[in-house]
Amino acid sequence: MKTSTRSRIEQIFDRRYREAHQFPKGSEGLRDFAELLPLVRKLSKNDLEHALVPLLDNLIFFTEHCSNCQAKLLVFAEIYCIDTCASKSVEYLHKYEELMADRKRSHATKRDYRLEVYEALGQQG
């Protein structure tokens, strides 16, 4: 992976650790992660698996305090991996579905996190 690409990806991830909520609706976090998609699509499978996936997994763990933020991050992770690393994409999808089932059981407010992510991605293009 080019140093400039790695640096940009790491910069975007680093900013998310400084926020109490990483992905509020309409936030900089959503815009940043939407901007990542063209960079991610250029990564080799090796770069995706060894550079990006660990960053995603760490941030997913970090967002456990907020199911709203974690749900959106899982959607981004699924999208990032779908073309190059399908098994990891499916893993993220299953985690998202489990999270949604837990939210439903707890009678949490129903929101369409996938739509929020796709809206952020649509604003990039």
Foldseek 3Di string as FASTA:
>chain_A
DDPVLLVLVVVLLVVQVVDPAQDDQPDPNLLSLLVCQVSLVPDALCCCVPPVVVSLVVVLVVCPVPLLRNLLSLLSQLSSCVPHPNVSSVVSVVVNVVSVVVCVVVVHDDDDSNVSSVVSNVVVD
